[in-house]
Amino acid sequence: MPKEIFDEEKFLELSKFAFHCRVKRLKNSVKLKLRTKKHLYTFKTNPTVADRLLKGVTCEIIEL
């Protein structure tokens, strides 16, 4: 089961341990999915915040 996170700081912390980050762009929002060894974490946000967060992510970024 994926776990949804709501904090930007937590998202950036988890990205250090993630294998990859999948980006799914919808009409008015963006879903960011971090895949770690045990869990899949999702973070929903608007496009401007997503672009800012993706600059700080250290893992591989996959656009869907």
N, C-alpha and C. Protein backbone atom coordinates (compact mmCIF):
# COMPACT_ATOMS: atom_id res chain seq x y z
N MET A 1 0.84 -1.19 0.00
CA MET A 1 0.00 0.00 0.00
C MET A 1 0.88 1.24 0.00
N PRO A 2 0.58 2.19 -0.86
CA PRO A 2 1.33 3.44 -0.82
C PRO A 2 0.95 4.28 0.39
N LYS A 3 1.89 5.05 0.85
CA LYS A 3 1.65 5.95 1.97
C LYS A 3 1.71 7.38 1.46
N GLU A 4 0.71 8.17 1.82
CA GLU A 4 0.69 9.57 1.39
C GLU A 4 1.35 10.43 2.46
N ILE A 5 2.23 11.32 2.00
CA ILE A 5 2.86 12.26 2.91
C ILE A 5 2.39 13.66 2.55
N PHE A 6 2.39 14.55 3.54
CA PHE A 6 1.83 15.89 3.34
C PHE A 6 2.84 17.00 3.59
N ASP A 7 4.05 16.65 3.98
CA ASP A 7 5.06 17.65 4.33
C ASP A 7 6.18 17.66 3.30
N GLU A 8 6.55 18.86 2.82
CA GLU A 8 7.60 18.99 1.82
C GLU A 8 8.96 18.57 2.39
N GLU A 9 9.22 18.91 3.64
CA GLU A 9 10.49 18.55 4.27
C GLU A 9 10.64 17.03 4.35
N LYS A 10 9.58 16.35 4.71
CA LYS A 10 9.59 14.89 4.80
C LYS A 10 9.84 14.27 3.42
N PHE A 11 9.25 14.87 2.39
CA PHE A 11 9.46 14.38 1.02
C PHE A 11 10.92 14.46 0.63
N LEU A 12 11.57 15.58 0.93
CA LEU A 12 12.98 15.74 0.59
C LEU A 12 13.87 14.79 1.40
N GLU A 13 13.51 14.53 2.65
CA GLU A 13 14.27 13.57 3.46
C GLU A 13 14.16 12.16 2.88
N LEU A 14 12.96 11.77 2.50
CA LEU A 14 12.75 10.43 1.96
C LEU A 14 13.40 10.26 0.59
N SER A 15 13.57 11.34 -0.15
CA SER A 15 14.18 11.24 -1.48
C SER A 15 15.64 10.81 -1.40
N LYS A 16 16.28 11.01 -0.26
CA LYS A 16 17.67 10.58 -0.10
C LYS A 16 17.79 9.06 -0.10
N PHE A 17 16.73 8.37 0.31
CA PHE A 17 16.74 6.91 0.41
C PHE A 17 16.01 6.23 -0.74
N ALA A 18 15.42 7.01 -1.63
CA ALA A 18 14.59 6.45 -2.71
C ALA A 18 15.44 5.99 -3.89
N PHE A 19 14.92 4.99 -4.60
CA PHE A 19 15.56 4.51 -5.82
C PHE A 19 15.26 5.44 -7.00
N HIS A 20 14.00 5.87 -7.08
CA HIS A 20 13.60 6.79 -8.13
C HIS A 20 12.36 7.58 -7.70
N CYS A 21 12.11 8.66 -8.42
CA CYS A 21 10.94 9.50 -8.18
C CYS A 21 10.15 9.57 -9.48
N ARG A 22 8.91 9.13 -9.43
CA ARG A 22 8.04 9.19 -10.61
C ARG A 22 7.17 10.43 -10.52
N VAL A 23 7.03 11.12 -11.65
CA VAL A 23 6.27 12.37 -11.71
C VAL A 23 5.10 12.17 -12.65
N LYS A 24 3.89 12.33 -12.12
CA LYS A 24 2.68 12.22 -12.94
C LYS A 24 1.98 13.57 -12.92
N ARG A 25 1.95 14.22 -14.07
CA ARG A 25 1.34 15.56 -14.17
C ARG A 25 -0.11 15.42 -14.63
N LEU A 26 -1.02 15.96 -13.82
CA LEU A 26 -2.44 15.97 -14.14
C LEU A 26 -2.82 17.39 -14.56
N LYS A 27 -4.11 17.68 -14.72
CA LYS A 27 -4.53 19.00 -15.18
C LYS A 27 -4.14 20.11 -14.21
N ASN A 28 -4.51 19.97 -12.94
CA ASN A 28 -4.28 21.05 -11.97
C ASN A 28 -3.33 20.66 -10.86
N SER A 29 -2.79 19.46 -10.89
CA SER A 29 -1.92 19.01 -9.81
C SER A 29 -0.84 18.08 -10.34
N VAL A 30 0.08 17.76 -9.46
CA VAL A 30 1.19 16.86 -9.79
C VAL A 30 1.31 15.83 -8.68
N LYS A 31 1.48 14.57 -9.06
CA LYS A 31 1.71 13.50 -8.09
C LYS A 31 3.18 13.12 -8.18
N LEU A 32 3.85 13.15 -7.04
CA LEU A 32 5.24 12.73 -6.95
C LEU A 32 5.27 11.43 -6.16
N LYS A 33 5.92 10.42 -6.70
CA LYS A 33 5.95 9.11 -6.06
C LYS A 33 7.40 8.70 -5.83
N LEU A 34 7.73 8.44 -4.58
CA LEU A 34 9.07 8.00 -4.21
C LEU A 34 9.05 6.50 -3.93
N ARG A 35 9.94 5.77 -4.55
CA ARG A 35 10.03 4.33 -4.33
C ARG A 35 11.26 4.04 -3.47
N THR A 36 11.02 3.55 -2.25
CA THR A 36 12.10 3.14 -1.37
C THR A 36 12.13 1.62 -1.29
N LYS A 37 12.99 1.10 -0.46
CA LYS A 37 13.13 -0.35 -0.36
C LYS A 37 11.85 -1.04 0.10
N LYS A 38 11.14 -0.43 1.06
CA LYS A 38 9.95 -1.06 1.62
C LYS A 38 8.63 -0.43 1.20
N HIS A 39 8.61 0.87 0.91
CA HIS A 39 7.35 1.57 0.70
C HIS A 39 7.37 2.44 -0.55
N LEU A 40 6.16 2.77 -0.98
CA LEU A 40 5.94 3.76 -2.03
C LEU A 40 5.26 4.95 -1.37
N TYR A 41 5.89 6.11 -1.46
CA TYR A 41 5.34 7.33 -0.85
C TYR A 41 4.82 8.23 -1.95
N THR A 42 3.64 8.81 -1.74
CA THR A 42 3.06 9.74 -2.72
C THR A 42 2.92 11.12 -2.08
N PHE A 43 3.07 12.13 -2.90
CA PHE A 43 2.94 13.51 -2.46
C PHE A 43 2.22 14.27 -3.57
N LYS A 44 1.07 14.86 -3.24
CA LYS A 44 0.28 15.60 -4.22
C LYS A 44 0.48 17.10 -3.98
N THR A 45 0.70 17.83 -5.05
CA THR A 45 0.96 19.26 -4.93
C THR A 45 0.62 19.97 -6.24
N ASN A 46 0.80 21.28 -6.25
CA ASN A 46 0.57 22.04 -7.48
C ASN A 46 1.86 22.08 -8.30
N PRO A 47 1.79 22.43 -9.58
CA PRO A 47 2.97 22.35 -10.46
C PRO A 47 4.15 23.23 -10.04
N THR A 48 3.91 24.40 -9.48
CA THR A 48 5.03 25.27 -9.12
C THR A 48 5.83 24.70 -7.96
N VAL A 49 5.15 24.16 -6.96
CA VAL A 49 5.83 23.55 -5.83
C VAL A 49 6.55 22.28 -6.27
N ALA A 50 5.96 21.53 -7.18
CA ALA A 50 6.57 20.29 -7.67
C ALA A 50 7.88 20.57 -8.38
N ASP A 51 7.91 21.61 -9.21
CA ASP A 51 9.16 21.95 -9.92
C ASP A 51 10.25 22.35 -8.94
N ARG A 52 9.88 23.06 -7.90
CA ARG A 52 10.86 23.48 -6.89
C ARG A 52 11.39 22.27 -6.12
N LEU A 53 10.50 21.33 -5.79
CA LEU A 53 10.91 20.13 -5.06
C LEU A 53 11.80 19.22 -5.90
N LEU A 54 11.51 19.12 -7.18
CA LEU A 54 12.29 18.23 -8.04
C LEU A 54 13.72 18.71 -8.22
N LYS A 55 13.97 20.00 -8.01
CA LYS A 55 15.35 20.50 -8.07
C LYS A 55 16.17 20.01 -6.90
N GLY A 56 15.52 19.72 -5.77
CA GLY A 56 16.22 19.27 -4.58
C GLY A 56 16.29 17.76 -4.41
N VAL A 57 15.65 17.03 -5.31
CA VAL A 57 15.62 15.56 -5.21
C VAL A 57 16.93 15.00 -5.74
N THR A 58 17.49 14.04 -4.99
CA THR A 58 18.78 13.46 -5.39
C THR A 58 18.65 12.16 -6.17
N CYS A 59 17.48 11.52 -6.14
CA CYS A 59 17.31 10.25 -6.85
C CYS A 59 16.93 10.49 -8.32
N GLU A 60 16.86 9.40 -9.08
CA GLU A 60 16.51 9.47 -10.48
C GLU A 60 15.06 9.92 -10.66
N ILE A 61 14.80 10.79 -11.65
CA ILE A 61 13.46 11.32 -11.88
C ILE A 61 12.91 10.69 -13.17
N ILE A 62 11.72 10.10 -13.07
CA ILE A 62 11.06 9.47 -14.22
C ILE A 62 9.74 10.19 -14.46
N GLU A 63 9.60 10.81 -15.64
CA GLU A 63 8.37 11.49 -16.03
C GLU A 63 7.41 10.49 -16.66
N LEU A 64 6.17 10.49 -16.22
CA LEU A 64 5.15 9.60 -16.80
C LEU A 64 4.23 10.37 -17.70
